[in-house]
Amino acid sequence: METSYHRHDISDNVWAMLEPHLPGKRDQWGGIAQDNRRFINAVFWVLRTGAPWRDLPPDYGKWGSVHQRFIRWRRKGVWEKLLEILIDEPDYEWLMIDASHIEGISAETLLADRGYDTNDILAYAVSAGMEPVIPSKKNRKEQRDYDKYLYKQRHLVENCFLILKRWRGIATRYAKT
């Protein structure tokens, strides 16, 4: 396939990372995949736009065939394996939260916004050996010191959510299975 021609298509660099890990090679059991890149682009198109499979542009193939292949890959765990291969091993030096559940996770530092400035969360972080980097709420009688530079790194969490929201099919969870 030449350079991407739809705005949701993967770049040549991303394809180079994915291709060696995809099923359908000559030395593997099963058929030889001729169109893995087109298939990946089709799946990304659906996930990015949030459109139903039936609205898949014909350039990507027959929507029913693409959908069935997506389901087969899900059942065989291909998507999970790809994710495991492509994600760097986390070091858990920093833990950034944007939800109310941190139990069972260990890190050196807990980064959170002032909405998480509660005695329970602070006590849990300290008992788990984490340094809480959470600004005090304005109404807290004693304002606590925190690492302001490290706190500013919290924007990484917000950027992650911003990127995920661009993928409408993921953000709204149209395909829950």
N, C-alpha and C. Protein backbone atom coordinates (compact mmCIF):
# COMPACT_ATOMS: atom_id res chain seq x y z
N MET A 1 0.85 -1.17 0.00
CA MET A 1 0.00 0.00 0.00
C MET A 1 0.89 1.23 0.00
N GLU A 2 0.50 2.22 -0.72
CA GLU A 2 1.28 3.45 -0.78
C GLU A 2 0.98 4.29 0.45
N THR A 3 1.29 5.56 0.39
CA THR A 3 1.05 6.42 1.54
C THR A 3 -0.44 6.47 1.84
N SER A 4 -0.79 6.83 3.05
CA SER A 4 -2.17 6.87 3.48
C SER A 4 -2.98 7.83 2.62
N TYR A 5 -4.19 7.42 2.31
CA TYR A 5 -5.02 8.30 1.51
C TYR A 5 -6.31 8.69 2.20
N HIS A 6 -6.59 8.14 3.35
CA HIS A 6 -7.68 8.59 4.20
C HIS A 6 -7.06 9.20 5.45
N ARG A 7 -7.70 10.18 6.01
CA ARG A 7 -7.07 10.86 7.14
C ARG A 7 -6.95 9.97 8.38
N HIS A 8 -7.69 8.89 8.44
CA HIS A 8 -7.60 8.00 9.60
C HIS A 8 -6.64 6.84 9.38
N ASP A 9 -6.06 6.74 8.20
CA ASP A 9 -5.15 5.63 7.91
C ASP A 9 -3.85 5.75 8.69
N ILE A 10 -3.27 4.60 8.99
CA ILE A 10 -2.02 4.60 9.75
C ILE A 10 -0.85 5.02 8.85
N SER A 11 0.13 5.60 9.47
CA SER A 11 1.32 6.06 8.74
C SER A 11 2.22 4.86 8.43
N ASP A 12 3.19 5.08 7.57
CA ASP A 12 4.15 4.04 7.24
C ASP A 12 4.96 3.64 8.47
N ASN A 13 5.26 4.58 9.34
CA ASN A 13 6.02 4.28 10.57
C ASN A 13 5.23 3.36 11.50
N VAL A 14 3.95 3.66 11.67
CA VAL A 14 3.11 2.82 12.53
C VAL A 14 2.96 1.44 11.90
N TRP A 15 2.78 1.38 10.59
CA TRP A 15 2.66 0.09 9.90
C TRP A 15 3.92 -0.75 10.10
N ALA A 16 5.07 -0.10 10.04
CA ALA A 16 6.33 -0.83 10.21
C ALA A 16 6.41 -1.45 11.61
N MET A 17 5.83 -0.80 12.62
CA MET A 17 5.82 -1.36 13.97
C MET A 17 4.82 -2.51 14.10
N LEU A 18 3.66 -2.39 13.43
CA LEU A 18 2.61 -3.40 13.56
C LEU A 18 2.85 -4.65 12.73
N GLU A 19 3.28 -4.47 11.50
CA GLU A 19 3.32 -5.56 10.53
C GLU A 19 3.98 -6.85 11.01
N PRO A 20 5.15 -6.78 11.67
CA PRO A 20 5.79 -8.04 12.07
C PRO A 20 4.99 -8.86 13.08
N HIS A 21 4.03 -8.23 13.76
CA HIS A 21 3.30 -8.91 14.83
C HIS A 21 1.91 -9.38 14.41
N LEU A 22 1.55 -9.17 13.16
CA LEU A 22 0.20 -9.51 12.71
C LEU A 22 0.14 -10.95 12.20
N PRO A 23 -1.02 -11.59 12.35
CA PRO A 23 -1.18 -12.95 11.82
C PRO A 23 -1.26 -12.91 10.29
N GLY A 24 -1.12 -14.09 9.68
CA GLY A 24 -1.27 -14.21 8.24
C GLY A 24 0.04 -14.23 7.47
N LYS A 25 1.14 -14.62 8.14
CA LYS A 25 2.44 -14.71 7.47
C LYS A 25 2.60 -16.09 6.83
N ARG A 26 3.53 -16.20 5.92
CA ARG A 26 3.76 -17.46 5.19
C ARG A 26 4.10 -18.61 6.13
N ASP A 27 4.85 -18.37 7.18
CA ASP A 27 5.29 -19.46 8.06
C ASP A 27 4.29 -19.78 9.16
N GLN A 28 3.11 -19.17 9.13
CA GLN A 28 2.10 -19.41 10.15
C GLN A 28 0.98 -20.27 9.61
N TRP A 29 0.27 -20.92 10.52
CA TRP A 29 -0.89 -21.71 10.13
C TRP A 29 -1.98 -20.76 9.64
N GLY A 30 -2.74 -21.16 8.67
CA GLY A 30 -3.85 -20.36 8.16
C GLY A 30 -3.49 -19.69 6.85
N GLY A 31 -4.43 -18.91 6.36
CA GLY A 31 -4.23 -18.23 5.09
C GLY A 31 -3.23 -17.09 5.19
N ILE A 32 -2.68 -16.73 4.04
CA ILE A 32 -1.73 -15.61 3.98
C ILE A 32 -2.53 -14.33 3.78
N ALA A 33 -2.36 -13.40 4.68
CA ALA A 33 -3.10 -12.14 4.61
C ALA A 33 -2.47 -11.22 3.59
N GLN A 34 -3.27 -10.78 2.64
CA GLN A 34 -2.79 -9.86 1.62
C GLN A 34 -3.12 -8.41 1.99
N ASP A 35 -4.04 -8.22 2.91
CA ASP A 35 -4.56 -6.88 3.16
C ASP A 35 -4.61 -6.49 4.63
N ASN A 36 -3.63 -6.92 5.41
CA ASN A 36 -3.64 -6.57 6.83
C ASN A 36 -3.67 -5.06 7.05
N ARG A 37 -2.93 -4.32 6.25
CA ARG A 37 -2.90 -2.86 6.44
C ARG A 37 -4.26 -2.25 6.14
N ARG A 38 -4.89 -2.70 5.07
CA ARG A 38 -6.21 -2.18 4.74
C ARG A 38 -7.20 -2.53 5.85
N PHE A 39 -7.08 -3.74 6.40
CA PHE A 39 -7.95 -4.16 7.49
C PHE A 39 -7.74 -3.30 8.74
N ILE A 40 -6.49 -3.09 9.12
CA ILE A 40 -6.19 -2.24 10.29
C ILE A 40 -6.74 -0.84 10.06
N ASN A 41 -6.55 -0.30 8.86
CA ASN A 41 -7.08 1.03 8.54
C ASN A 41 -8.61 1.05 8.65
N ALA A 42 -9.26 -0.02 8.23
CA ALA A 42 -10.71 -0.09 8.32
C ALA A 42 -11.17 -0.08 9.78
N VAL A 43 -10.51 -0.86 10.60
CA VAL A 43 -10.87 -0.91 12.03
C VAL A 43 -10.64 0.46 12.66
N PHE A 44 -9.51 1.08 12.36
CA PHE A 44 -9.24 2.40 12.91
C PHE A 44 -10.26 3.42 12.42
N TRP A 45 -10.72 3.29 11.17
CA TRP A 45 -11.73 4.22 10.65
C TRP A 45 -13.00 4.11 11.49
N VAL A 46 -13.45 2.88 11.76
CA VAL A 46 -14.66 2.69 12.56
C VAL A 46 -14.46 3.21 13.97
N LEU A 47 -13.32 2.90 14.58
CA LEU A 47 -13.07 3.35 15.95
C LEU A 47 -12.94 4.88 16.03
N ARG A 48 -12.30 5.46 15.03
CA ARG A 48 -12.07 6.90 15.05
C ARG A 48 -13.36 7.67 14.81
N THR A 49 -14.19 7.21 13.86
CA THR A 49 -15.40 7.96 13.51
C THR A 49 -16.59 7.59 14.40
N GLY A 50 -16.58 6.39 14.94
CA GLY A 50 -17.72 5.93 15.71
C GLY A 50 -18.88 5.50 14.83
N ALA A 51 -18.65 5.40 13.53
CA ALA A 51 -19.71 5.01 12.59
C ALA A 51 -20.01 3.52 12.72
N PRO A 52 -21.22 3.12 12.34
CA PRO A 52 -21.53 1.68 12.32
C PRO A 52 -20.69 0.97 11.26
N TRP A 53 -20.47 -0.31 11.46
CA TRP A 53 -19.69 -1.09 10.50
C TRP A 53 -20.28 -1.00 9.10
N ARG A 54 -21.60 -0.94 9.00
CA ARG A 54 -22.27 -0.88 7.70
C ARG A 54 -21.90 0.37 6.90
N ASP A 55 -21.42 1.40 7.57
CA ASP A 55 -21.05 2.65 6.89
C ASP A 55 -19.58 2.70 6.49
N LEU A 56 -18.87 1.60 6.66
CA LEU A 56 -17.46 1.54 6.28
C LEU A 56 -17.32 1.84 4.79
N PRO A 57 -16.46 2.80 4.41
CA PRO A 57 -16.28 3.08 2.98
C PRO A 57 -15.81 1.83 2.23
N PRO A 58 -16.29 1.65 1.01
CA PRO A 58 -15.94 0.44 0.24
C PRO A 58 -14.45 0.30 -0.04
N ASP A 59 -13.69 1.39 0.04
CA ASP A 59 -12.23 1.33 -0.17
C ASP A 59 -11.57 0.35 0.80
N TYR A 60 -12.20 0.15 1.96
CA TYR A 60 -11.63 -0.70 2.99
C TYR A 60 -12.06 -2.16 2.87
N GLY A 61 -12.93 -2.47 1.93
CA GLY A 61 -13.42 -3.83 1.76
C GLY A 61 -14.88 -3.92 2.16
N LYS A 62 -15.44 -5.12 2.06
CA LYS A 62 -16.84 -5.33 2.42
C LYS A 62 -16.97 -5.24 3.93
N TRP A 63 -17.91 -4.43 4.36
CA TRP A 63 -18.03 -4.17 5.80
C TRP A 63 -18.26 -5.46 6.58
N GLY A 64 -19.04 -6.39 6.06
CA GLY A 64 -19.33 -7.63 6.78
C GLY A 64 -18.08 -8.48 6.96
N SER A 65 -17.26 -8.55 5.92
CA SER A 65 -16.01 -9.33 6.01
C SER A 65 -15.05 -8.70 7.00
N VAL A 66 -14.96 -7.36 6.95
CA VAL A 66 -14.05 -6.65 7.87
C VAL A 66 -14.53 -6.85 9.31
N HIS A 67 -15.83 -6.75 9.53
CA HIS A 67 -16.39 -6.90 10.87
C HIS A 67 -16.15 -8.32 11.40
N GLN A 68 -16.37 -9.33 10.54
CA GLN A 68 -16.15 -10.71 10.97
C GLN A 68 -14.69 -10.96 11.32
N ARG A 69 -13.80 -10.39 10.54
CA ARG A 69 -12.37 -10.55 10.82
C ARG A 69 -12.00 -9.85 12.13
N PHE A 70 -12.58 -8.69 12.38
CA PHE A 70 -12.37 -7.97 13.64
C PHE A 70 -12.80 -8.86 14.82
N ILE A 71 -13.96 -9.48 14.69
CA ILE A 71 -14.47 -10.36 15.75
C ILE A 71 -13.55 -11.58 15.93
N ARG A 72 -13.10 -12.18 14.82
CA ARG A 72 -12.18 -13.32 14.92
C ARG A 72 -10.91 -12.93 15.66
N TRP A 73 -10.34 -11.79 15.31
CA TRP A 73 -9.12 -11.32 15.97
C TRP A 73 -9.38 -11.08 17.45
N ARG A 74 -10.56 -10.55 17.77
CA ARG A 74 -10.89 -10.32 19.19
C ARG A 74 -10.97 -11.64 19.93
N ARG A 75 -11.64 -12.60 19.35
CA ARG A 75 -11.80 -13.92 20.00
C ARG A 75 -10.47 -14.63 20.17
N LYS A 76 -9.57 -14.47 19.21
CA LYS A 76 -8.25 -15.12 19.27
C LYS A 76 -7.26 -14.34 20.13
N GLY A 77 -7.64 -13.16 20.60
CA GLY A 77 -6.76 -12.37 21.45
C GLY A 77 -5.68 -11.61 20.69
N VAL A 78 -5.86 -11.43 19.39
CA VAL A 78 -4.84 -10.73 18.58
C VAL A 78 -4.69 -9.28 19.03
N TRP A 79 -5.81 -8.61 19.30
CA TRP A 79 -5.73 -7.20 19.71
C TRP A 79 -4.98 -7.05 21.03
N GLU A 80 -5.28 -7.93 21.99
CA GLU A 80 -4.59 -7.86 23.29
C GLU A 80 -3.10 -8.12 23.13
N LYS A 81 -2.74 -9.10 22.29
CA LYS A 81 -1.32 -9.40 22.07
C LYS A 81 -0.60 -8.21 21.45
N LEU A 82 -1.25 -7.57 20.49
CA LEU A 82 -0.65 -6.38 19.87
C LEU A 82 -0.42 -5.29 20.91
N LEU A 83 -1.42 -5.07 21.74
CA LEU A 83 -1.30 -4.05 22.77
C LEU A 83 -0.16 -4.36 23.72
N GLU A 84 -0.06 -5.61 24.15
CA GLU A 84 1.02 -6.01 25.05
C GLU A 84 2.39 -5.82 24.42
N ILE A 85 2.50 -6.14 23.14
CA ILE A 85 3.78 -6.00 22.45
C ILE A 85 4.18 -4.54 22.28
N LEU A 86 3.21 -3.70 21.97
CA LEU A 86 3.51 -2.32 21.62
C LEU A 86 3.62 -1.37 22.82
N ILE A 87 3.09 -1.77 23.95
CA ILE A 87 3.17 -0.90 25.13
C ILE A 87 4.52 -1.13 25.81
N ASP A 88 5.19 -0.05 26.11
CA ASP A 88 6.44 -0.16 26.87
C ASP A 88 6.11 -0.64 28.27
N GLU A 89 7.03 -1.32 28.90
CA GLU A 89 6.80 -1.76 30.27
C GLU A 89 6.75 -0.54 31.18
N PRO A 90 5.67 -0.38 31.92
CA PRO A 90 5.57 0.79 32.80
C PRO A 90 6.51 0.65 33.99
N ASP A 91 7.01 1.79 34.48
CA ASP A 91 7.91 1.73 35.63
C ASP A 91 7.21 2.13 36.93
N TYR A 92 6.02 2.65 36.84
CA TYR A 92 5.24 3.06 38.01
C TYR A 92 6.01 4.00 38.93
N GLU A 93 6.92 4.80 38.37
CA GLU A 93 7.58 5.80 39.19
C GLU A 93 6.55 6.85 39.62
N TRP A 94 5.71 7.23 38.67
CA TRP A 94 4.65 8.19 38.95
C TRP A 94 3.31 7.51 38.72
N LEU A 95 2.34 7.81 39.53
CA LEU A 95 0.98 7.35 39.33
C LEU A 95 0.12 8.59 39.21
N MET A 96 -0.51 8.77 38.06
CA MET A 96 -1.39 9.91 37.85
C MET A 96 -2.81 9.37 37.80
N ILE A 97 -3.69 9.96 38.60
CA ILE A 97 -5.06 9.47 38.61
C ILE A 97 -6.00 10.54 38.11
N ASP A 98 -7.06 10.08 37.50
CA ASP A 98 -8.15 10.94 37.09
C ASP A 98 -9.45 10.17 37.31
N ALA A 99 -9.45 9.36 38.36
CA ALA A 99 -10.61 8.58 38.75
C ALA A 99 -10.52 8.37 40.25
N SER A 100 -11.53 7.76 40.83
CA SER A 100 -11.56 7.68 42.29
C SER A 100 -11.02 6.37 42.84
N HIS A 101 -10.41 5.51 42.00
CA HIS A 101 -9.93 4.22 42.49
C HIS A 101 -8.42 4.12 42.32
N ILE A 102 -7.71 3.99 43.45
CA ILE A 102 -6.26 3.79 43.38
C ILE A 102 -5.83 2.57 44.17
N GLU A 103 -6.78 1.84 44.77
CA GLU A 103 -6.41 0.68 45.57
C GLU A 103 -5.72 -0.37 44.70
N GLY A 104 -4.74 -1.04 45.27
CA GLY A 104 -4.08 -2.12 44.57
C GLY A 104 -2.99 -1.68 43.61
N ILE A 105 -2.71 -0.40 43.54
CA ILE A 105 -1.67 0.10 42.65
C ILE A 105 -0.57 0.70 43.50
N SER A 106 0.67 0.38 43.17
CA SER A 106 1.77 0.95 43.93
C SER A 106 2.63 1.81 43.02
N ALA A 107 3.10 2.91 43.56
CA ALA A 107 3.96 3.84 42.83
C ALA A 107 4.75 4.63 43.85
N GLU A 108 5.72 5.36 43.37
CA GLU A 108 6.50 6.21 44.28
C GLU A 108 5.78 7.52 44.56
N THR A 109 5.05 8.02 43.57
CA THR A 109 4.41 9.32 43.68
C THR A 109 2.98 9.23 43.17
N LEU A 110 2.06 9.87 43.87
CA LEU A 110 0.68 9.97 43.43
C LEU A 110 0.40 11.40 43.01
N LEU A 111 0.14 11.60 41.72
CA LEU A 111 -0.18 12.91 41.17
C LEU A 111 -1.68 13.00 40.95
N ALA A 112 -2.31 14.03 41.47
CA ALA A 112 -3.74 14.20 41.27
C ALA A 112 -4.09 15.67 41.43
N ASP A 113 -5.25 16.06 40.91
CA ASP A 113 -5.65 17.46 41.07
C ASP A 113 -6.29 17.68 42.44
N ARG A 114 -6.58 18.91 42.72
CA ARG A 114 -7.05 19.26 44.07
C ARG A 114 -8.37 18.60 44.44
N GLY A 115 -9.12 18.13 43.47
CA GLY A 115 -10.36 17.42 43.76
C GLY A 115 -10.11 16.14 44.56
N TYR A 116 -8.90 15.62 44.53
CA TYR A 116 -8.54 14.41 45.25
C TYR A 116 -7.86 14.70 46.59
N ASP A 117 -7.91 15.94 47.02
CA ASP A 117 -7.33 16.33 48.30
C ASP A 117 -8.30 15.96 49.42
N THR A 118 -8.32 14.67 49.74
CA THR A 118 -9.13 14.20 50.87
C THR A 118 -8.19 13.49 51.84
N ASN A 119 -8.56 13.49 53.08
CA ASN A 119 -7.74 12.84 54.10
C ASN A 119 -7.59 11.34 53.82
N ASP A 120 -8.66 10.70 53.32
CA ASP A 120 -8.61 9.26 53.03
C ASP A 120 -7.60 8.95 51.92
N ILE A 121 -7.63 9.71 50.84
CA ILE A 121 -6.71 9.46 49.73
C ILE A 121 -5.28 9.76 50.16
N LEU A 122 -5.08 10.84 50.88
CA LEU A 122 -3.73 11.18 51.36
C LEU A 122 -3.20 10.09 52.29
N ALA A 123 -4.05 9.61 53.20
CA ALA A 123 -3.63 8.57 54.15
C ALA A 123 -3.31 7.28 53.39
N TYR A 124 -4.12 6.92 52.39
CA TYR A 124 -3.85 5.72 51.62
C TYR A 124 -2.52 5.84 50.89
N ALA A 125 -2.28 6.98 50.26
CA ALA A 125 -1.04 7.18 49.52
C ALA A 125 0.17 7.04 50.44
N VAL A 126 0.11 7.67 51.57
CA VAL A 126 1.23 7.62 52.52
C VAL A 126 1.42 6.19 53.04
N SER A 127 0.31 5.51 53.36
CA SER A 127 0.43 4.13 53.88
C SER A 127 0.98 3.18 52.81
N ALA A 128 0.75 3.51 51.53
CA ALA A 128 1.26 2.67 50.44
C ALA A 128 2.67 3.08 50.03
N GLY A 129 3.26 4.03 50.75
CA GLY A 129 4.62 4.45 50.46
C GLY A 129 4.75 5.45 49.31
N MET A 130 3.64 6.08 48.97
CA MET A 130 3.66 7.06 47.89
C MET A 130 3.76 8.47 48.45
N GLU A 131 4.44 9.32 47.70
CA GLU A 131 4.46 10.73 48.06
C GLU A 131 3.29 11.40 47.34
N PRO A 132 2.30 11.93 48.08
CA PRO A 132 1.18 12.59 47.40
C PRO A 132 1.59 13.97 46.86
N VAL A 133 1.35 14.17 45.58
CA VAL A 133 1.57 15.48 44.96
C VAL A 133 0.19 15.97 44.53
N ILE A 134 -0.51 16.50 45.51
CA ILE A 134 -1.89 16.95 45.32
C ILE A 134 -2.01 18.32 45.97
N PRO A 135 -2.36 19.35 45.21
CA PRO A 135 -2.53 20.66 45.83
C PRO A 135 -3.69 20.64 46.82
N SER A 136 -3.60 21.45 47.84
CA SER A 136 -4.66 21.52 48.85
C SER A 136 -5.87 22.25 48.28
N LYS A 137 -7.04 21.80 48.72
CA LYS A 137 -8.25 22.53 48.36
C LYS A 137 -8.18 23.91 49.01
N LYS A 138 -8.85 24.85 48.42
CA LYS A 138 -8.82 26.23 48.92
C LYS A 138 -9.36 26.34 50.35
N ASN A 139 -10.32 25.46 50.68
CA ASN A 139 -10.94 25.55 52.01
C ASN A 139 -10.22 24.72 53.07
N ARG A 140 -9.10 24.11 52.75
CA ARG A 140 -8.33 23.34 53.73
C ARG A 140 -7.69 24.33 54.70
N LYS A 141 -7.83 24.08 55.99
CA LYS A 141 -7.32 25.02 57.00
C LYS A 141 -5.81 25.15 56.92
N GLU A 142 -5.12 24.02 56.77
CA GLU A 142 -3.66 24.06 56.64
C GLU A 142 -3.30 23.63 55.23
N GLN A 143 -2.77 24.57 54.46
CA GLN A 143 -2.36 24.27 53.08
C GLN A 143 -1.07 23.45 53.13
N ARG A 144 -1.03 22.34 52.38
CA ARG A 144 0.14 21.48 52.33
C ARG A 144 1.05 21.92 51.19
N ASP A 145 2.34 21.70 51.37
CA ASP A 145 3.29 21.91 50.28
C ASP A 145 3.24 20.71 49.34
N TYR A 146 3.54 20.96 48.08
CA TYR A 146 3.61 19.87 47.10
C TYR A 146 4.59 20.31 46.01
N ASP A 147 5.07 19.35 45.27
CA ASP A 147 6.05 19.60 44.21
C ASP A 147 5.31 20.22 43.01
N LYS A 148 5.41 21.53 42.88
CA LYS A 148 4.68 22.24 41.83
C LYS A 148 5.15 21.84 40.43
N TYR A 149 6.44 21.61 40.27
CA TYR A 149 6.96 21.22 38.95
C TYR A 149 6.39 19.86 38.54
N LEU A 150 6.45 18.91 39.47
CA LEU A 150 5.94 17.58 39.17
C LEU A 150 4.44 17.61 38.93
N TYR A 151 3.73 18.43 39.68
CA TYR A 151 2.28 18.55 39.50
C TYR A 151 1.94 19.02 38.08
N LYS A 152 2.75 19.89 37.54
CA LYS A 152 2.48 20.39 36.19
C LYS A 152 2.59 19.28 35.15
N GLN A 153 3.31 18.20 35.48
CA GLN A 153 3.43 17.07 34.55
C GLN A 153 2.11 16.31 34.40
N ARG A 154 1.15 16.64 35.27
CA ARG A 154 -0.16 15.98 35.23
C ARG A 154 -0.88 16.20 33.91
N HIS A 155 -0.46 17.20 33.17
CA HIS A 155 -1.12 17.45 31.89
C HIS A 155 -1.02 16.24 30.96
N LEU A 156 -0.08 15.34 31.24
CA LEU A 156 0.04 14.13 30.42
C LEU A 156 -1.24 13.29 30.48
N VAL A 157 -1.86 13.25 31.65
CA VAL A 157 -3.12 12.51 31.79
C VAL A 157 -4.19 13.17 30.94
N GLU A 158 -4.29 14.48 31.05
CA GLU A 158 -5.30 15.20 30.29
C GLU A 158 -5.08 15.03 28.79
N ASN A 159 -3.82 15.06 28.35
CA ASN A 159 -3.52 14.86 26.93
C ASN A 159 -3.93 13.47 26.48
N CYS A 160 -3.73 12.48 27.33
CA CYS A 160 -4.11 11.11 26.99
C CYS A 160 -5.62 11.03 26.76
N PHE A 161 -6.40 11.62 27.66
CA PHE A 161 -7.85 11.61 27.49
C PHE A 161 -8.27 12.39 26.24
N LEU A 162 -7.58 13.47 25.95
CA LEU A 162 -7.88 14.25 24.76
C LEU A 162 -7.68 13.40 23.50
N ILE A 163 -6.60 12.64 23.45
CA ILE A 163 -6.33 11.77 22.31
C ILE A 163 -7.40 10.68 22.21
N LEU A 164 -7.75 10.08 23.36
CA LEU A 164 -8.77 9.03 23.33
C LEU A 164 -10.12 9.56 22.87
N LYS A 165 -10.45 10.78 23.22
CA LYS A 165 -11.74 11.34 22.81
C LYS A 165 -11.81 11.59 21.31
N ARG A 166 -10.67 11.70 20.66
CA ARG A 166 -10.66 11.83 19.21
C ARG A 166 -11.09 10.53 18.54
N TRP A 167 -10.98 9.43 19.26
CA TRP A 167 -11.39 8.12 18.74
C TRP A 167 -12.80 7.88 19.25
N ARG A 168 -13.77 8.40 18.53
CA ARG A 168 -15.16 8.42 18.97
C ARG A 168 -15.70 7.03 19.31
N GLY A 169 -15.32 6.04 18.52
CA GLY A 169 -15.80 4.68 18.78
C GLY A 169 -15.29 4.10 20.08
N ILE A 170 -14.15 4.56 20.55
CA ILE A 170 -13.61 4.11 21.84
C ILE A 170 -14.20 4.93 22.97
N ALA A 171 -14.24 6.25 22.79
CA ALA A 171 -14.70 7.14 23.85
C ALA A 171 -16.16 6.89 24.21
N THR A 172 -16.97 6.54 23.23
CA THR A 172 -18.40 6.32 23.50
C THR A 172 -18.75 4.85 23.66
N ARG A 173 -17.78 3.95 23.42
CA ARG A 173 -17.94 2.51 23.59
C ARG A 173 -19.17 1.98 22.85
N TYR A 174 -19.24 2.29 21.54
CA TYR A 174 -20.32 1.76 20.72
C TYR A 174 -20.28 0.24 20.67
N ALA A 175 -19.10 -0.33 20.48
CA ALA A 175 -18.95 -1.79 20.43
C ALA A 175 -18.45 -2.25 21.78
N LYS A 176 -19.36 -2.65 22.64
CA LYS A 176 -19.01 -2.98 24.02
C LYS A 176 -18.45 -4.40 24.16
N THR A 177 -18.53 -5.20 23.13
CA THR A 177 -18.05 -6.57 23.26
C THR A 177 -16.81 -6.77 22.44
